Amino acid sequence: MKTIKLLTAEEIKELAESVGGVHDLSMVTGLRTVTLYRLIKGDYNPSLNTLLKLNILMKDLEKIIKEKK
């Protein structure tokens, strides 16, 4: 069973910055840019599908960072 982390607005913002910005995060995850901005602003609660996509990207980035060390 996989654990899905409920990301905070700050964590989503950091994730966006790590891939080059909100637009790039949108392109990588397939999420709408406006959805991401609303999540970062705190105006929107993420759906399960949104959380899954963000968690997958976050885990992929963690793997890449570990491989570089």
N, C-alpha and C. Protein backbone atom coordinates (compact mmCIF):
# COMPACT_ATOMS: atom_id res chain seq x y z
N MET A 1 0.84 -1.18 0.00
CA MET A 1 0.00 0.00 0.00
C MET A 1 0.88 1.24 0.00
N LYS A 2 0.60 2.17 -0.88
CA LYS A 2 1.38 3.39 -0.99
C LYS A 2 0.82 4.46 -0.06
N THR A 3 1.72 5.27 0.45
CA THR A 3 1.33 6.39 1.28
C THR A 3 1.34 7.64 0.44
N ILE A 4 0.29 8.41 0.52
CA ILE A 4 0.20 9.66 -0.22
C ILE A 4 0.33 10.80 0.77
N LYS A 5 1.30 11.65 0.52
CA LYS A 5 1.54 12.78 1.40
C LYS A 5 0.64 13.94 0.99
N LEU A 6 -0.01 14.54 1.95
CA LEU A 6 -0.80 15.75 1.71
C LEU A 6 0.17 16.91 1.74
N LEU A 7 0.45 17.47 0.57
CA LEU A 7 1.43 18.53 0.45
C LEU A 7 0.85 19.87 0.86
N THR A 8 1.67 20.66 1.54
CA THR A 8 1.26 22.02 1.89
C THR A 8 1.47 22.94 0.69
N ALA A 9 0.89 24.12 0.77
CA ALA A 9 1.07 25.10 -0.30
C ALA A 9 2.55 25.42 -0.48
N GLU A 10 3.27 25.52 0.62
CA GLU A 10 4.70 25.82 0.56
C GLU A 10 5.47 24.68 -0.13
N GLU A 11 5.12 23.45 0.15
CA GLU A 11 5.79 22.31 -0.48
C GLU A 11 5.50 22.27 -1.98
N ILE A 12 4.29 22.61 -2.38
CA ILE A 12 3.96 22.65 -3.81
C ILE A 12 4.74 23.76 -4.48
N LYS A 13 4.86 24.90 -3.81
CA LYS A 13 5.64 26.02 -4.35
C LYS A 13 7.09 25.60 -4.52
N GLU A 14 7.67 24.93 -3.53
CA GLU A 14 9.05 24.46 -3.62
C GLU A 14 9.21 23.43 -4.73
N LEU A 15 8.24 22.57 -4.90
CA LEU A 15 8.27 21.59 -5.98
C LEU A 15 8.27 22.29 -7.34
N ALA A 16 7.43 23.31 -7.47
CA ALA A 16 7.39 24.08 -8.71
C ALA A 16 8.73 24.75 -8.98
N GLU A 17 9.32 25.33 -7.96
CA GLU A 17 10.62 25.99 -8.12
C GLU A 17 11.70 24.99 -8.51
N SER A 18 11.61 23.78 -8.01
CA SER A 18 12.64 22.78 -8.29
C SER A 18 12.61 22.29 -9.74
N VAL A 19 11.47 22.45 -10.41
CA VAL A 19 11.39 22.02 -11.81
C VAL A 19 11.39 23.20 -12.78
N GLY A 20 11.52 24.42 -12.25
CA GLY A 20 11.63 25.58 -13.14
C GLY A 20 10.44 26.51 -13.13
N GLY A 21 9.46 26.27 -12.28
CA GLY A 21 8.30 27.16 -12.18
C GLY A 21 6.98 26.41 -12.34
N VAL A 22 5.92 27.15 -12.13
CA VAL A 22 4.57 26.56 -12.17
C VAL A 22 4.24 26.01 -13.55
N HIS A 23 4.62 26.73 -14.58
CA HIS A 23 4.32 26.25 -15.94
C HIS A 23 5.01 24.91 -16.20
N ASP A 24 6.28 24.81 -15.80
CA ASP A 24 7.01 23.56 -16.00
C ASP A 24 6.41 22.43 -15.17
N LEU A 25 6.00 22.76 -13.94
CA LEU A 25 5.35 21.75 -13.10
C LEU A 25 4.06 21.27 -13.76
N SER A 26 3.35 22.19 -14.37
CA SER A 26 2.13 21.85 -15.08
C SER A 26 2.42 20.89 -16.25
N MET A 27 3.46 21.18 -16.98
CA MET A 27 3.82 20.35 -18.13
C MET A 27 4.25 18.95 -17.70
N VAL A 28 4.99 18.87 -16.61
CA VAL A 28 5.50 17.58 -16.14
C VAL A 28 4.39 16.72 -15.55
N THR A 29 3.47 17.33 -14.82
CA THR A 29 2.44 16.56 -14.12
C THR A 29 1.14 16.41 -14.90
N GLY A 30 0.93 17.28 -15.87
CA GLY A 30 -0.33 17.26 -16.60
C GLY A 30 -1.45 18.01 -15.87
N LEU A 31 -1.09 18.70 -14.80
CA LEU A 31 -2.08 19.49 -14.06
C LEU A 31 -2.20 20.87 -14.68
N ARG A 32 -3.38 21.45 -14.57
CA ARG A 32 -3.59 22.79 -15.12
C ARG A 32 -2.81 23.81 -14.30
N THR A 33 -2.26 24.79 -14.98
CA THR A 33 -1.49 25.85 -14.32
C THR A 33 -2.35 26.57 -13.30
N VAL A 34 -3.58 26.86 -13.64
CA VAL A 34 -4.46 27.58 -12.72
C VAL A 34 -4.70 26.76 -11.45
N THR A 35 -4.81 25.46 -11.59
CA THR A 35 -4.98 24.58 -10.42
C THR A 35 -3.77 24.69 -9.50
N LEU A 36 -2.59 24.66 -10.08
CA LEU A 36 -1.38 24.75 -9.28
C LEU A 36 -1.28 26.10 -8.57
N TYR A 37 -1.61 27.17 -9.26
CA TYR A 37 -1.59 28.49 -8.61
C TYR A 37 -2.59 28.55 -7.46
N ARG A 38 -3.76 27.98 -7.65
CA ARG A 38 -4.76 27.96 -6.57
C ARG A 38 -4.29 27.14 -5.38
N LEU A 39 -3.60 26.03 -5.65
CA LEU A 39 -3.06 25.21 -4.57
C LEU A 39 -1.99 25.98 -3.80
N ILE A 40 -1.12 26.66 -4.51
CA ILE A 40 -0.04 27.42 -3.88
C ILE A 40 -0.61 28.58 -3.07
N LYS A 41 -1.65 29.19 -3.59
CA LYS A 41 -2.28 30.32 -2.90
C LYS A 41 -3.10 29.86 -1.70
N GLY A 42 -3.48 28.59 -1.70
CA GLY A 42 -4.27 28.05 -0.60
C GLY A 42 -5.77 28.19 -0.81
N ASP A 43 -6.18 28.51 -2.02
CA ASP A 43 -7.60 28.68 -2.35
C ASP A 43 -8.29 27.38 -2.74
N TYR A 44 -7.56 26.31 -2.81
CA TYR A 44 -8.07 25.09 -3.43
C TYR A 44 -7.54 23.88 -2.67
N ASN A 45 -8.37 22.91 -2.45
CA ASN A 45 -7.95 21.65 -1.84
C ASN A 45 -7.68 20.65 -2.96
N PRO A 46 -6.54 19.99 -2.92
CA PRO A 46 -6.19 19.08 -4.01
C PRO A 46 -7.04 17.82 -4.01
N SER A 47 -7.33 17.35 -5.20
CA SER A 47 -8.03 16.08 -5.35
C SER A 47 -7.02 14.95 -5.14
N LEU A 48 -7.51 13.75 -4.99
CA LEU A 48 -6.63 12.59 -4.84
C LEU A 48 -5.73 12.44 -6.07
N ASN A 49 -6.28 12.64 -7.25
CA ASN A 49 -5.52 12.53 -8.48
C ASN A 49 -4.39 13.56 -8.52
N THR A 50 -4.67 14.78 -8.09
CA THR A 50 -3.65 15.83 -8.05
C THR A 50 -2.55 15.46 -7.06
N LEU A 51 -2.94 14.97 -5.90
CA LEU A 51 -1.95 14.56 -4.91
C LEU A 51 -1.08 13.42 -5.42
N LEU A 52 -1.69 12.48 -6.11
CA LEU A 52 -0.92 11.37 -6.68
C LEU A 52 0.13 11.87 -7.66
N LYS A 53 -0.26 12.75 -8.56
CA LYS A 53 0.68 13.27 -9.55
C LYS A 53 1.82 14.03 -8.90
N LEU A 54 1.51 14.85 -7.91
CA LEU A 54 2.55 15.63 -7.23
C LEU A 54 3.46 14.72 -6.41
N ASN A 55 2.90 13.71 -5.77
CA ASN A 55 3.71 12.76 -4.98
C ASN A 55 4.64 11.95 -5.87
N ILE A 56 4.16 11.53 -7.02
CA ILE A 56 5.00 10.78 -7.96
C ILE A 56 6.18 11.62 -8.40
N LEU A 57 5.93 12.88 -8.76
CA LEU A 57 7.01 13.76 -9.18
C LEU A 57 7.99 13.99 -8.04
N MET A 58 7.48 14.20 -6.85
CA MET A 58 8.33 14.45 -5.70
C MET A 58 9.25 13.25 -5.44
N LYS A 59 8.72 12.06 -5.52
CA LYS A 59 9.52 10.85 -5.30
C LYS A 59 10.55 10.66 -6.42
N ASP A 60 10.16 10.97 -7.66
CA ASP A 60 11.10 10.88 -8.78
C ASP A 60 12.26 11.85 -8.59
N LEU A 61 11.96 13.07 -8.14
CA LEU A 61 13.01 14.05 -7.92
C LEU A 61 13.93 13.63 -6.78
N GLU A 62 13.37 13.04 -5.74
CA GLU A 62 14.19 12.54 -4.63
C GLU A 62 15.15 11.46 -5.10
N LYS A 63 14.69 10.57 -5.99
CA LYS A 63 15.55 9.51 -6.53
C LYS A 63 16.70 10.11 -7.33
N ILE A 64 16.38 11.11 -8.14
CA ILE A 64 17.41 11.75 -8.98
C ILE A 64 18.47 12.41 -8.10
N ILE A 65 18.03 13.08 -7.05
CA ILE A 65 18.96 13.75 -6.14
C ILE A 65 19.86 12.72 -5.45
N LYS A 66 19.28 11.61 -5.02
CA LYS A 66 20.08 10.57 -4.35
C LYS A 66 21.10 9.96 -5.31
N GLU A 67 20.71 9.80 -6.58
CA GLU A 67 21.62 9.20 -7.56
C GLU A 67 22.80 10.12 -7.85
N LYS A 68 22.60 11.43 -7.75
CA LYS A 68 23.67 12.37 -8.02
C LYS A 68 24.69 12.43 -6.91
N LYS A 69 24.33 11.97 -5.72
CA LYS A 69 25.26 12.03 -4.58
C LYS A 69 26.27 10.93 -4.60
